[in-house]
Protein backbone atom coordinates (compact mmCIF):
# COMPACT_ATOMS: atom_id res chain seq x y z
CA MET A 1 42.80 44.85 7.84
CA LEU A 2 39.83 42.73 6.76
CA TYR A 3 41.56 41.14 3.87
CA PRO A 4 44.14 39.55 6.56
CA SER A 5 41.50 38.54 8.91
CA ILE A 6 39.71 37.18 6.46
CA SER A 7 42.60 35.25 5.01
CA ARG A 8 43.37 34.16 8.82
CA ALA A 9 40.04 32.91 9.15
CA ILE A 10 40.17 30.78 5.94
CA LEU A 11 43.44 29.32 6.89
CA ARG A 12 42.28 28.38 10.41
CA TRP A 13 39.03 26.72 8.94
CA ASN A 14 41.17 24.67 6.46
CA ALA A 15 43.52 23.32 9.23
CA TYR A 16 40.79 22.42 11.25
CA ALA A 17 39.01 20.82 8.26
CA ALA A 18 42.14 18.70 7.28
CA ARG A 19 42.31 17.15 10.92
CA SER A 20 39.94 13.96 10.10
CA PRO A 21 38.20 12.72 7.06
CA LEU A 22 34.58 13.46 8.48
CA ARG A 23 35.77 17.15 8.79
CA ARG A 24 37.01 17.08 5.40
CA LEU A 25 33.61 15.54 4.49
CA GLY A 26 31.97 18.62 6.22
CA HIS A 27 33.99 21.03 4.54
CA ALA A 28 33.47 19.67 1.12
CA ALA A 29 29.84 19.47 1.84
CA LEU A 30 29.88 23.14 2.64
CA VAL A 31 31.69 23.62 -0.79
CA ALA A 32 29.26 21.57 -2.52
CA ALA A 33 26.10 23.53 -0.91
CA ALA A 34 27.33 27.23 -1.47
CA THR A 35 28.56 26.33 -4.91
CA SER A 36 25.05 24.76 -5.86
CA LEU A 37 23.15 28.01 -4.46
CA LEU A 38 23.33 30.10 -7.20
CA ALA A 39 21.76 27.59 -9.59
CA LYS A 40 19.17 26.81 -6.97
CA VAL A 41 18.34 30.48 -6.48
CA LEU A 42 18.28 31.03 -10.01
CA GLY A 43 15.83 27.69 -10.58
CA PHE A 44 13.63 29.18 -8.14
CA ALA A 45 13.60 32.49 -9.81
CA LYS A 46 12.86 30.96 -13.03
CA GLU A 47 9.60 29.21 -11.10
CA VAL A 48 8.59 32.68 -9.86
CA VAL A 49 8.74 34.04 -13.47
CA VAL A 50 7.02 31.24 -15.26
CA ALA A 51 4.05 31.45 -12.32
CA ALA A 52 3.80 35.22 -12.93
CA VAL A 53 3.05 34.58 -16.77
CA PHE A 54 1.35 31.05 -16.55
CA GLY A 55 -0.32 30.79 -13.66
CA LEU A 56 -2.03 27.29 -12.86
CA SER A 57 -2.93 27.29 -16.70
CA GLY A 58 -3.67 24.28 -18.71
CA ALA A 59 -0.61 25.17 -20.96
CA LEU A 60 1.72 24.74 -17.80
CA ASP A 61 0.07 21.27 -17.16
CA ILE A 62 1.05 20.19 -20.49
CA TYR A 63 4.56 21.23 -20.34
CA LEU A 64 5.25 19.85 -16.70
CA VAL A 65 3.61 16.35 -17.58
CA ALA A 66 5.61 16.24 -21.13
CA PHE A 67 8.68 16.95 -18.69
CA VAL A 68 8.04 14.19 -16.55
CA LEU A 69 6.89 11.62 -19.25
CA ILE A 70 9.84 12.19 -21.65
CA GLY A 71 12.40 11.94 -18.45
CA MET A 72 11.10 8.47 -17.23
CA PRO A 73 13.63 6.31 -19.13
CA LEU A 74 16.42 8.91 -18.08
CA SER A 75 15.14 8.56 -14.54
CA ILE A 76 15.14 4.81 -14.76
CA LEU A 77 18.37 4.28 -16.41
CA LEU A 78 20.41 7.36 -15.35
CA ASN A 79 19.86 7.20 -11.79
CA ALA A 80 21.54 3.77 -11.82
CA VAL A 81 24.39 4.52 -14.12
CA GLN A 82 25.33 7.79 -12.11
CA THR A 83 25.45 6.14 -8.53
CA THR A 84 27.25 3.27 -9.97
CA LEU A 85 29.69 5.76 -12.19
CA ILE A 86 30.13 8.00 -9.16
CA ALA A 87 31.10 5.16 -6.88
CA HIS A 88 33.50 3.59 -9.28
CA LEU A 89 35.55 6.80 -10.42
CA ALA A 90 35.53 7.70 -6.64
CA SER A 91 37.21 4.45 -5.63
CA GLY A 92 40.87 5.33 -6.95
CA LEU A 93 41.32 4.68 -10.53
CA ASP A 94 44.20 6.11 -12.52
CA ALA A 95 43.60 8.68 -15.32
CA ASP A 96 43.63 6.66 -18.31
CA ALA A 97 41.13 4.03 -16.65
CA ALA A 98 38.73 6.46 -15.39
CA ALA A 99 38.82 8.36 -18.67
CA GLY A 100 38.35 5.00 -20.76
CA ARG A 101 35.42 3.92 -18.36
CA PHE A 102 33.80 7.34 -18.31
CA SER A 103 33.83 7.53 -22.16
CA ALA A 104 32.50 4.14 -22.58
CA THR A 105 29.62 4.66 -20.11
CA CYS A 106 28.47 7.81 -22.03
CA LEU A 107 28.54 5.67 -25.08
CA LEU A 108 26.40 2.73 -23.84
CA THR A 109 24.30 4.97 -21.93
CA LEU A 110 22.92 7.33 -24.93
CA ALA A 111 22.97 4.18 -27.15
CA VAL A 112 20.48 2.25 -24.71
CA LEU A 113 18.59 5.54 -24.43
CA ALA A 114 18.45 5.92 -28.13
CA VAL A 115 17.02 2.41 -28.41
CA LEU A 116 14.38 2.88 -25.51
CA LEU A 117 13.06 6.26 -27.02
CA PRO A 118 10.94 4.79 -30.07
CA ILE A 119 9.72 2.17 -27.65
CA TRP A 120 8.68 4.62 -25.15
CA LEU A 121 7.34 7.51 -27.57
CA TRP A 122 5.30 4.13 -29.19
CA ALA A 123 3.99 3.15 -25.83
CA LEU A 124 3.05 6.47 -24.32
CA PRO A 125 -0.25 7.48 -26.72
CA HIS A 126 -1.75 3.91 -25.36
CA ALA A 127 -1.10 5.02 -22.00
CA LEU A 128 -2.28 8.77 -22.01
CA PRO A 129 -5.93 7.90 -21.23
CA TRP A 130 -5.08 6.44 -17.79
CA VAL A 131 -2.26 8.85 -17.16
CA VAL A 132 -4.26 12.07 -17.71
CA SER A 133 -7.58 10.99 -17.45
CA GLY A 134 -8.62 14.60 -16.77
CA PHE A 135 -7.15 16.16 -19.83
CA SER A 136 -9.63 16.85 -22.79
CA ALA A 137 -9.07 15.30 -26.43
CA ASP A 138 -7.33 18.48 -27.61
CA LYS A 139 -4.85 18.69 -24.14
CA GLN A 140 -3.82 15.32 -24.58
CA GLN A 141 -3.18 15.53 -28.43
CA ALA A 142 -1.05 18.83 -27.38
CA LEU A 143 0.72 16.77 -24.84
CA GLU A 144 1.80 13.99 -27.32
CA THR A 145 3.38 16.81 -29.53
CA ALA A 146 5.29 18.31 -26.84
CA LEU A 147 6.95 14.98 -26.02
CA TYR A 148 8.51 15.14 -29.61
CA TRP A 149 9.43 18.57 -28.83
CA LEU A 150 11.34 17.52 -25.72
CA ILE A 151 13.31 14.81 -27.82
CA PRO A 152 16.75 16.93 -27.94
CA TYR A 153 16.41 17.42 -23.96
CA TYR A 154 16.00 13.56 -23.64
CA PHE A 155 19.55 13.27 -25.17
CA LEU A 156 21.02 16.27 -23.79
CA ASN A 157 20.19 15.85 -20.18
CA GLY A 158 21.34 12.30 -20.34
CA PHE A 159 24.69 13.34 -21.07
CA ASN A 160 24.47 16.04 -18.78
CA LEU A 161 23.78 13.55 -15.67
CA LEU A 162 26.48 11.51 -16.51
CA GLY A 163 28.79 14.56 -16.58
CA TYR A 164 27.75 15.73 -13.28
CA GLY A 165 28.36 12.56 -12.07
CA ALA A 166 32.06 12.46 -13.14
CA LEU A 167 32.44 15.86 -11.71
CA GLN A 168 31.09 14.91 -8.61
CA ALA A 169 33.42 11.79 -8.20
CA LYS A 170 36.57 13.89 -9.08
CA GLY A 171 35.31 16.49 -6.34
CA ARG A 172 34.99 19.39 -8.81
CA PHE A 173 32.20 20.90 -7.01
CA LEU A 174 32.36 24.54 -8.06
CA ALA A 175 31.68 23.37 -11.67
CA ASN A 176 28.93 21.03 -10.72
CA GLY A 177 27.44 23.52 -8.49
CA LEU A 178 27.38 26.42 -11.22
CA LEU A 179 26.84 24.72 -14.71
CA PRO A 180 23.36 23.84 -13.96
CA ALA A 181 22.53 27.46 -13.59
CA ALA A 182 22.43 27.86 -17.56
CA THR A 183 19.08 26.10 -18.13
CA PRO A 184 16.86 28.28 -15.55
CA VAL A 185 18.51 31.67 -16.94
CA VAL A 186 17.72 30.57 -20.27
CA ILE A 187 14.10 29.84 -19.61
CA MET A 188 13.59 32.95 -17.53
CA LEU A 189 15.11 35.26 -20.40
CA ALA A 190 12.73 33.43 -22.96
CA VAL A 191 9.81 33.84 -20.67
CA LEU A 192 10.53 37.28 -20.15
CA VAL A 193 11.02 38.14 -23.57
CA TRP A 194 8.65 36.38 -25.44
CA SER A 195 5.98 35.64 -22.64
CA THR A 196 3.08 37.34 -25.18
CA SER A 197 3.85 34.86 -27.96
CA GLY A 198 4.38 31.45 -26.12
CA GLY A 199 2.43 28.69 -24.58
CA TRP A 200 4.15 25.08 -23.58
CA GLN A 201 6.18 25.68 -26.77
CA LEU A 202 8.21 28.44 -25.30
CA LEU A 203 8.93 26.54 -22.24
CA ALA A 204 10.05 23.49 -24.31
CA ILE A 205 12.15 25.51 -26.59
CA ALA A 206 13.84 27.21 -23.44
CA LEU A 207 14.47 23.84 -21.78
CA VAL A 208 16.30 22.21 -24.97
CA ALA A 209 18.49 25.46 -25.48
CA GLY A 210 19.53 25.85 -21.91
CA SER A 211 20.39 22.04 -21.55
CA ALA A 212 22.25 22.33 -24.79
CA ILE A 213 24.38 25.12 -23.12
CA GLU A 214 24.73 23.08 -20.03
CA SER A 215 26.30 20.21 -22.27
CA LEU A 216 28.86 22.35 -23.99
CA LEU A 217 29.89 23.78 -20.63
CA LEU A 218 30.21 20.37 -19.41
CA LEU A 219 32.20 19.03 -22.56
CA ALA A 220 34.82 21.70 -21.70
CA ALA A 221 35.26 21.08 -17.94
CA LEU A 222 35.28 17.05 -18.46
CA SER A 223 37.85 17.77 -21.23
CA ARG A 224 39.94 19.57 -18.69
CA LEU A 225 40.01 16.72 -16.44
CA GLY A 226 41.13 14.36 -18.98
CA LEU A 227 38.11 12.32 -19.12
CA PHE A 228 37.73 12.37 -23.11
CA SER A 229 41.49 11.41 -23.81
CA ALA A 230 41.09 7.89 -23.77
CA GLN A 231 40.24 5.79 -27.01
CA ILE A 232 36.98 4.56 -26.79
CA ARG A 233 36.32 0.88 -27.19
CA PRO A 234 33.16 -1.14 -27.54
CA SER A 235 33.80 -3.44 -24.16
CA PRO A 236 36.57 -1.45 -22.35
CA LYS A 237 38.10 -3.71 -19.74
CA GLY A 238 36.43 -2.99 -16.21
CA MET A 239 33.06 -2.10 -17.56
CA ASP A 240 31.65 -5.23 -15.96
CA PRO A 241 31.66 -3.85 -12.48
CA ILE A 242 29.53 -0.59 -13.74
CA ILE A 243 27.18 -2.80 -15.83
CA MET A 244 26.31 -5.11 -13.23
CA ALA A 245 26.01 -2.78 -10.11
CA SER A 246 23.64 -0.73 -12.58
CA LEU A 247 21.63 -3.43 -13.47
CA ALA A 248 21.25 -4.34 -9.87
CA LEU A 249 19.72 -0.82 -9.28
CA LEU A 250 17.46 -0.70 -12.18
CA PRO A 251 14.50 -2.04 -10.41
CA GLY A 252 14.61 0.68 -7.48
CA THR A 253 15.11 3.29 -10.18
CA PHE A 254 12.49 1.84 -12.15
CA MET A 255 9.96 2.30 -9.42
CA LEU A 256 11.46 5.70 -8.37
CA ALA A 257 10.82 7.12 -11.70
CA LEU A 258 7.15 5.42 -11.80
CA GLY A 259 6.49 7.60 -8.55
CA PRO A 260 6.06 11.36 -10.03
CA LEU A 261 4.01 9.68 -12.95
CA VAL A 262 1.46 8.10 -10.67
CA GLU A 263 1.36 11.70 -8.84
CA GLN A 264 1.01 13.39 -12.10
CA ALA A 265 -1.72 10.86 -12.91
CA ILE A 266 -3.65 11.42 -10.07
CA ALA A 267 -3.34 15.36 -9.97
CA ALA A 268 -4.51 15.42 -13.80
CA ALA A 269 -7.56 13.98 -12.83
CA MET A 270 -8.32 16.70 -10.21
CA GLY A 271 -9.50 19.18 -12.68
CA GLU A 272 -7.67 22.33 -14.58
CA GLY A 273 -4.36 23.54 -12.87
CA SER A 274 -3.90 20.53 -10.76
CA ASN A 275 -0.51 19.37 -12.17
CA ALA A 276 0.60 23.17 -11.90
CA ALA A 277 -0.66 23.84 -8.24
CA LEU A 278 1.29 20.31 -7.32
CA ALA A 279 4.44 21.69 -8.66
CA TYR A 280 4.35 24.97 -7.02
CA GLY A 281 3.85 23.44 -4.02
CA TYR A 282 6.93 21.47 -4.31
CA LYS A 283 9.07 23.93 -5.95
CA LEU A 284 10.46 25.89 -2.79
CA PRO A 285 10.87 22.79 -0.64
CA ALA A 286 12.62 21.11 -3.54
CA ALA A 287 14.74 24.11 -3.99
CA LEU A 288 15.89 23.92 -0.36
CA GLN A 289 16.20 20.06 -0.26
CA GLY A 290 18.01 20.44 -3.54
CA ILE A 291 20.88 22.57 -2.03
CA LEU A 292 21.31 20.36 1.14
CA LEU A 293 20.64 17.14 -0.66
CA THR A 294 23.21 17.88 -3.39
CA ALA A 295 25.82 18.67 -0.87
CA ILE A 296 25.03 15.22 0.73
CA GLY A 297 24.54 13.34 -2.13
CA ILE A 298 27.46 14.34 -4.09
CA THR A 299 30.08 14.05 -1.21
CA ALA A 300 29.00 11.24 0.90
CA LEU A 301 29.23 8.32 -1.64
CA PRO A 302 32.66 9.32 -2.66
CA TYR A 303 33.60 9.54 1.00
CA PHE A 304 31.95 6.48 2.13
CA SER A 305 33.34 4.54 -1.09
CA ALA A 306 36.81 5.69 -0.23
CA GLN A 307 36.46 4.98 3.45
CA ILE A 308 35.05 1.43 2.93
CA GLY A 309 37.87 0.58 0.41
CA GLN A 310 40.40 1.38 2.60
CA GLY A 311 38.88 -0.82 5.36
CA ASN A 312 37.77 1.95 7.36
CA HIS A 313 34.41 0.48 8.49
CA ALA A 314 34.62 1.54 12.21
CA TYR A 315 35.09 5.21 11.29
CA SER A 316 32.66 4.97 8.82
CA LEU A 317 29.99 3.84 11.28
CA HIS A 318 30.95 6.81 13.44
CA SER A 319 30.60 9.21 10.30
CA LEU A 320 27.27 7.83 9.75
CA ASN A 321 25.70 8.13 13.04
CA LYS A 322 27.17 11.57 13.41
CA ILE A 323 26.31 12.94 10.39
CA ALA A 324 22.43 11.25 10.55
CA GLY A 325 21.92 13.05 14.02
CA TRP A 326 23.08 16.63 12.36
CA LEU A 327 21.02 16.22 9.45
CA LEU A 328 17.78 15.16 11.45
CA ALA A 329 18.16 17.96 14.02
CA GLY A 330 19.01 20.56 11.30
CA GLY A 331 16.37 19.78 8.83
CA ALA A 332 13.69 19.73 11.64
CA LEU A 333 15.05 23.10 12.55
CA LEU A 334 14.78 24.37 8.90
CA ALA A 335 11.27 22.62 8.26
CA LEU A 336 9.26 23.80 11.26
CA PRO A 337 9.33 27.50 10.89
CA LEU A 338 9.05 27.24 7.14
CA GLY A 339 5.97 25.02 7.72
CA VAL A 340 4.37 27.69 10.29
CA PHE A 341 4.52 30.37 7.53
CA SER A 342 3.92 28.45 4.66
CA SER A 343 0.87 30.77 3.45
CA GLU A 344 2.67 33.95 3.71
CA ILE A 345 5.66 32.50 1.72
CA ALA A 346 3.63 31.30 -0.84
CA ALA A 347 1.77 34.64 -1.35
CA LEU A 348 4.91 36.39 -1.22
CA LEU A 349 6.96 34.19 -3.84
CA TYR A 350 3.93 33.72 -6.33
CA GLN A 351 0.97 35.86 -5.95
CA ARG A 352 1.25 38.25 -8.82
CA GLY A 353 0.13 38.41 -12.27
CA ALA A 354 -1.52 35.05 -13.44
CA PHE A 355 -1.32 33.67 -9.89
CA ASP A 356 -4.06 35.05 -7.87
CA ALA A 357 -5.00 34.38 -4.34
CA ALA A 358 -7.22 31.41 -5.16
CA ALA A 359 -4.07 29.76 -6.79
CA THR A 360 -2.23 30.61 -3.48
CA GLY A 361 -4.77 29.12 -1.13
CA ARG A 362 -4.33 25.65 -3.18
CA VAL A 363 -0.54 25.72 -3.30
CA ALA A 364 0.14 26.56 0.37
CA PRO A 365 -1.36 23.41 2.07
CA ILE A 366 0.92 21.32 -0.72
CA GLN A 367 4.03 23.36 0.12
CA PHE A 368 3.52 23.04 3.96
CA ALA A 369 3.58 19.14 3.62
CA TYR A 370 6.63 19.12 1.55
CA PHE A 371 8.17 21.44 4.15
CA MET A 372 7.68 18.61 6.54
CA GLN A 373 9.63 16.16 4.43
CA ILE A 374 13.00 18.06 4.78
CA PRO A 375 14.46 16.36 7.58
CA PHE A 376 13.52 12.85 6.55
CA ALA A 377 14.45 13.37 2.86
CA LEU A 378 18.24 14.46 4.19
CA VAL A 379 18.54 11.28 6.17
CA THR A 380 17.34 9.14 3.55
CA MET A 381 19.77 10.60 1.18
CA LEU A 382 22.36 9.69 3.63
CA GLY A 383 21.18 6.35 4.11
CA ILE A 384 20.79 5.56 0.22
CA LYS A 385 24.12 7.09 -0.63
CA THR A 386 25.98 4.82 2.29
CA LEU A 387 24.35 1.37 1.18
CA ALA A 388 25.49 2.45 -2.49
CA ALA A 389 29.09 2.62 -1.22
CA LEU A 390 28.55 -0.62 0.39
CA ASN A 391 27.62 -2.18 -2.69
CA LEU A 392 24.20 -3.24 -1.41
CA ASN A 393 22.46 -2.17 -4.74
CA GLY A 394 20.05 -5.17 -4.74
CA LEU A 395 18.70 -4.19 -1.36
CA LEU A 396 18.82 -0.53 -1.85
CA SER A 397 16.48 -1.24 -5.12
CA LEU A 398 14.15 -3.34 -3.01
CA TYR A 399 13.74 -0.52 -0.54
CA THR A 400 13.05 2.07 -2.96
CA ALA A 401 10.58 -0.25 -5.14
CA LEU A 402 8.49 -0.73 -1.83
CA GLY A 403 8.69 2.74 -0.96
CA VAL A 404 7.67 3.89 -4.24
CA LEU A 405 4.39 1.40 -4.26
CA LEU A 406 3.54 2.58 -0.68
CA GLN A 407 3.74 5.91 -1.68
CA ALA A 408 1.61 5.39 -4.53
CA LEU A 409 -1.11 3.60 -2.51
CA LEU A 410 -1.03 6.32 0.16
CA ALA A 411 -1.41 8.93 -2.26
CA TYR A 412 -4.39 7.47 -3.76
CA ALA A 413 -5.85 7.03 -0.38
CA LEU A 414 -4.91 10.26 1.13
CA THR A 415 -6.12 12.24 -2.11
CA ALA A 416 -9.51 10.92 -1.91
CA ARG A 417 -9.98 12.15 1.41
CA TYR A 418 -7.62 15.19 1.66
CA GLY A 419 -7.54 16.76 -2.06
CA LEU A 420 -4.20 17.51 -3.68
CA PRO A 421 -1.94 17.85 -0.17
CA GLY A 422 -2.70 14.20 0.19
CA ILE A 423 0.08 13.30 -2.55
CA ALA A 424 2.60 15.46 -0.43
CA TRP A 425 1.90 14.03 2.93
CA ALA A 426 2.40 10.38 1.07
CA ALA A 427 5.68 11.53 0.23
CA VAL A 428 6.53 12.45 3.77
CA ILE A 429 5.25 9.21 5.35
CA VAL A 430 7.44 7.36 2.86
CA SER A 431 10.33 9.71 3.14
CA ALA A 432 10.33 9.01 7.18
CA LEU A 433 10.07 5.23 6.37
CA LEU A 434 12.95 5.08 4.14
CA ALA A 435 14.95 7.11 6.34
CA ILE A 436 14.61 5.15 9.14
CA THR A 437 15.15 1.68 7.04
CA SER A 438 18.27 2.61 4.91
CA TYR A 439 19.62 4.50 7.98
CA LEU A 440 19.52 1.26 10.08
CA THR A 441 20.24 -1.36 7.35
CA ALA A 442 23.67 0.82 6.71
CA ARG A 443 24.48 1.06 10.28
CA ARG A 444 23.84 -2.86 10.93
CA SER A 445 26.03 -3.48 7.89
CA LEU A 446 28.78 -1.16 8.90
CA ARG A 447 28.80 -2.53 12.41
CA HIS A 448 29.14 -5.97 11.25
CA LEU A 449 32.17 -5.12 8.93
CA SER A 450 34.08 -3.32 11.70
CA ARG A 451 34.25 -6.14 14.06
């Protein structure tokens, strides 16, 4: 009796969703959010396990800063290339062309990462006294060592990000949502089994192992899609649009990657455990944002790219206005009650083992601020994906660069007055400004095209 009722409900929903492209987008976003939920829940569970074992320790500071530093070249390059690749693959290429361009993009991107790595590793020791001014000499030395331990992750994650971009462009939301669960599972198991014998080294090894498992799973999924079937050529026809669009995005992604580095530098100057406290304050809001932003980010860019490519500018404008209203209202309804109970939530999730009441007191105000960022972050994601679909990459880079610069200045100013929560409030203010700016720009562009 129950099974036929469920089947009828699913059929009715599918019929409802099929009536318009906007409803199909909503359906795809729900699927993407649901399938990413497991990975996000496991990722957050991993943070709870790590918190119980490491607390706000110096070892966790080392791992977190090393993670940000080794990932900076990845953030700069991959944010640009992945965005361009998704829009390109979603624009209606035939199977052979899609396979050739994806394979060539992987090859060229990993080659550029290989060139950048020794330059980055050479430059970092000169920058560390500024970046982690609050670290002791021994702690800085351990940080330099941790960077070398994370080199395999650097390349593995580069491939993984491109692979997830291809899955998103092809609408494979189930695989895109489930495969990232591999890394938090591996880290949790490693911490639970070897917690007494490992410091930051244990976290680094587990991160590399989890990323490698993700890469193998992605290889299998992408091979089934036929994206490795074409012969890779050094300069395949059709790569120029991907290269040029990626270059246009690089200034913005450079500034975007610089933001976390500045935040870690400010936190490092504020004493032992400050980097860890900032990270834990961000974890739950980021997990919630991650589910929603994933749903928006991986569906909105292909959707608007396809609609704009078909000349449906007026309908794209209608979609933008409607979705922005939903996101702002829904994000506010989610964020406000969570902010009110931020202290209780932090105590419930983290306060055990090495994470004591004093640590909860440091984390809760940071978490509150990041909860308030949620509605603005959602509208910002919608706006920037629409701008990317409109191929306004230069303007998108400018907005991103100005936003990161303003956030850095605000973080310094607000931290001097309010302590660590000032970093989070700087992010809230800039997210609100970017939400307004990106939405209004995308709306104006679509209105102009629809005339």
